[in-house]
């Protein structure tokens, strides 16, 4: 299960021509054009993949292989909320539409600095479509 996040991390970076580095503790990271990628493998059964566009949004996926648990968190800054909502609307994959529906509840009702939603039903494939929507590949 944890390997899935590493594969997603490497594919995301490759498709956006982001060079990845790895430190001795197993942290994989890269940065280019305002995009930051971090993969933390806290143990052989626990990993966190965090991809963010600095000052705009982030998508985090946490896998715990030990309990087969996962959590996806999507965070969007308020100043670009409508733009990211449009990106989700234009992605016709199921999970992107689920995320869109969850974020649309904020339209016209609440003024927050950031909009954050957590999804326990999302897996790496689901999150991949949101990542491609938010941060399109260069190729």
Protein backbone atom coordinates (compact mmCIF):
# COMPACT_ATOMS: atom_id res chain seq x y z
CA UNK A 1 0.00 0.00 0.00
CA UNK A 2 2.79 2.42 0.91
CA UNK A 3 4.58 1.75 -2.41
CA UNK A 4 1.53 3.13 -4.20
CA UNK A 5 2.27 6.59 -2.81
CA UNK A 6 5.88 6.39 -3.94
CA UNK A 7 4.77 5.43 -7.44
CA UNK A 8 2.27 8.30 -7.50
CA UNK A 9 4.95 10.71 -6.25
CA UNK A 10 7.46 9.67 -8.90
CA UNK A 11 4.90 9.70 -11.72
CA UNK A 12 3.61 13.13 -10.70
CA UNK A 13 7.17 14.51 -10.63
CA UNK A 14 8.15 12.87 -13.93
CA UNK A 15 5.08 14.21 -15.75
CA UNK A 16 5.91 17.74 -14.56
CA UNK A 17 9.67 17.47 -15.05
CA UNK A 18 10.38 17.94 -11.34
CA UNK A 19 13.65 16.46 -10.12
CA UNK A 20 13.28 14.47 -6.91
CA UNK A 21 15.85 14.21 -4.14
CA UNK A 22 15.98 11.70 -1.32
CA UNK A 23 17.60 12.20 2.06
CA UNK A 24 19.00 9.55 4.36
CA UNK A 25 15.81 9.44 6.42
CA UNK A 26 13.83 8.41 3.33
CA UNK A 27 12.19 11.79 2.62
CA UNK A 28 11.61 12.25 -1.11
CA UNK A 29 11.13 15.83 -2.17
CA UNK A 30 11.22 18.18 -5.14
CA UNK A 31 10.25 21.71 -6.14
CA UNK A 32 9.68 23.49 -9.43
CA UNK A 33 7.52 26.38 -10.66
CA UNK A 34 5.85 26.82 -7.25
CA UNK A 35 4.95 23.13 -6.95
CA UNK A 36 6.36 21.25 -3.95
CA UNK A 37 6.30 17.49 -3.53
CA UNK A 38 7.10 15.66 -0.30
CA UNK A 39 6.83 11.97 0.40
CA UNK A 40 7.50 11.00 4.00
CA UNK A 41 7.76 7.34 4.76
CA UNK A 42 7.48 7.36 8.53
CA UNK A 43 7.71 3.57 8.69
CA UNK A 44 7.33 0.60 6.41
CA UNK A 45 3.57 0.82 6.95
CA UNK A 46 2.91 4.56 7.02
CA UNK A 47 3.44 7.26 4.35
CA UNK A 48 2.35 10.81 3.67
CA UNK A 49 2.39 12.33 0.19
CA UNK A 50 1.94 16.10 0.15
CA UNK A 51 1.79 18.08 -3.09
CA UNK A 52 1.16 21.78 -3.01
CA UNK A 53 1.13 24.88 -5.12
CA UNK A 54 2.65 27.36 -2.69
CA UNK A 55 0.14 29.99 -1.57
CA UNK A 56 -2.78 28.36 -3.41
CA UNK A 57 -3.61 24.76 -2.63
CA UNK A 58 -2.43 21.40 -1.41
CA UNK A 59 -3.40 17.78 -1.78
CA UNK A 60 -2.27 15.35 0.90
CA UNK A 61 -2.71 11.61 0.90
CA UNK A 62 -1.93 9.54 4.00
CA UNK A 63 -1.68 5.74 3.86
CA UNK A 64 -1.37 3.47 6.83
CA UNK A 65 -0.64 0.00 5.47
CA UNK A 66 -0.82 -1.48 8.94
CA UNK A 67 -4.56 -0.83 9.26
CA UNK A 68 -5.25 -0.41 5.53
CA UNK A 69 -6.45 3.11 6.28
CA UNK A 70 -6.16 6.14 4.04
CA UNK A 71 -7.08 9.78 4.19
CA UNK A 72 -6.99 12.44 1.48
CA UNK A 73 -7.10 16.11 2.36
CA UNK A 74 -7.60 18.89 -0.16
CA UNK A 75 -6.96 22.48 0.88
CA UNK A 76 -7.65 25.54 -1.26
CA UNK A 77 -6.83 29.14 -0.32
CA UNK A 78 -9.82 31.47 -0.51
CA UNK A 79 -8.37 33.90 -3.06
CA UNK A 80 -8.22 31.18 -5.74
CA UNK A 81 -11.12 29.02 -4.54
CA UNK A 82 -13.36 29.66 -7.57
CA UNK A 83 -10.52 28.87 -9.99
CA UNK A 84 -9.85 25.51 -8.37
CA UNK A 85 -13.55 24.75 -8.20
CA UNK A 86 -13.71 25.36 -11.96
CA UNK A 87 -10.79 22.97 -12.47
CA UNK A 88 -12.71 20.28 -10.55
CA UNK A 89 -15.85 20.96 -12.59
CA UNK A 90 -13.88 20.42 -15.80
CA UNK A 91 -12.56 17.04 -14.67
CA UNK A 92 -15.12 14.35 -15.36
CA UNK A 93 -13.65 11.60 -13.20
CA UNK A 94 -15.81 10.40 -10.32
CA UNK A 95 -13.68 11.47 -7.38
CA UNK A 96 -13.03 14.94 -8.80
CA UNK A 97 -16.78 15.39 -9.00
CA UNK A 98 -17.17 14.14 -5.42
CA UNK A 99 -14.58 16.71 -4.30
CA UNK A 100 -16.33 19.42 -6.35
CA UNK A 101 -19.65 18.64 -4.68
CA UNK A 102 -18.09 18.81 -1.22
CA UNK A 103 -16.42 22.17 -1.93
CA UNK A 104 -19.51 23.69 -3.58
CA UNK A 105 -21.24 23.82 -0.20
CA UNK A 106 -18.99 26.79 0.59
CA UNK A 107 -20.26 28.87 -2.34
CA UNK A 108 -21.89 32.08 -1.18
CA UNK A 109 -22.18 31.09 2.44
CA UNK A 110 -18.87 31.11 4.27
CA UNK A 111 -15.84 33.35 3.94
CA UNK A 112 -12.79 31.45 5.17
CA UNK A 113 -9.05 31.91 4.64
CA UNK A 114 -8.82 28.31 3.44
CA UNK A 115 -11.28 25.65 2.44
CA UNK A 116 -10.37 22.16 3.60
CA UNK A 117 -12.11 18.85 3.00
CA UNK A 118 -11.07 15.36 4.10
CA UNK A 119 -11.96 12.19 2.23
CA UNK A 120 -11.64 8.71 3.70
CA UNK A 121 -13.05 7.12 0.56
CA UNK A 122 -10.27 8.35 -1.76
CA UNK A 123 -7.39 6.21 -2.98
CA UNK A 124 -4.24 7.09 -4.94
CA UNK A 125 -5.96 6.68 -8.32
CA UNK A 126 -8.78 9.01 -7.23
CA UNK A 127 -6.34 11.61 -5.99
CA UNK A 128 -4.30 11.32 -9.20
CA UNK A 129 -7.22 12.83 -11.16
CA UNK A 130 -7.51 15.75 -8.76
CA UNK A 131 -3.75 16.33 -8.99
CA UNK A 132 -3.92 16.34 -12.79
CA UNK A 133 -6.82 18.76 -12.61
CA UNK A 134 -5.12 21.17 -10.22
CA UNK A 135 -1.58 20.83 -11.55
CA UNK A 136 -1.70 19.64 -15.18
CA UNK A 137 1.24 17.66 -16.56
CA UNK A 138 3.67 19.47 -18.84
CA UNK A 139 3.62 16.76 -21.52
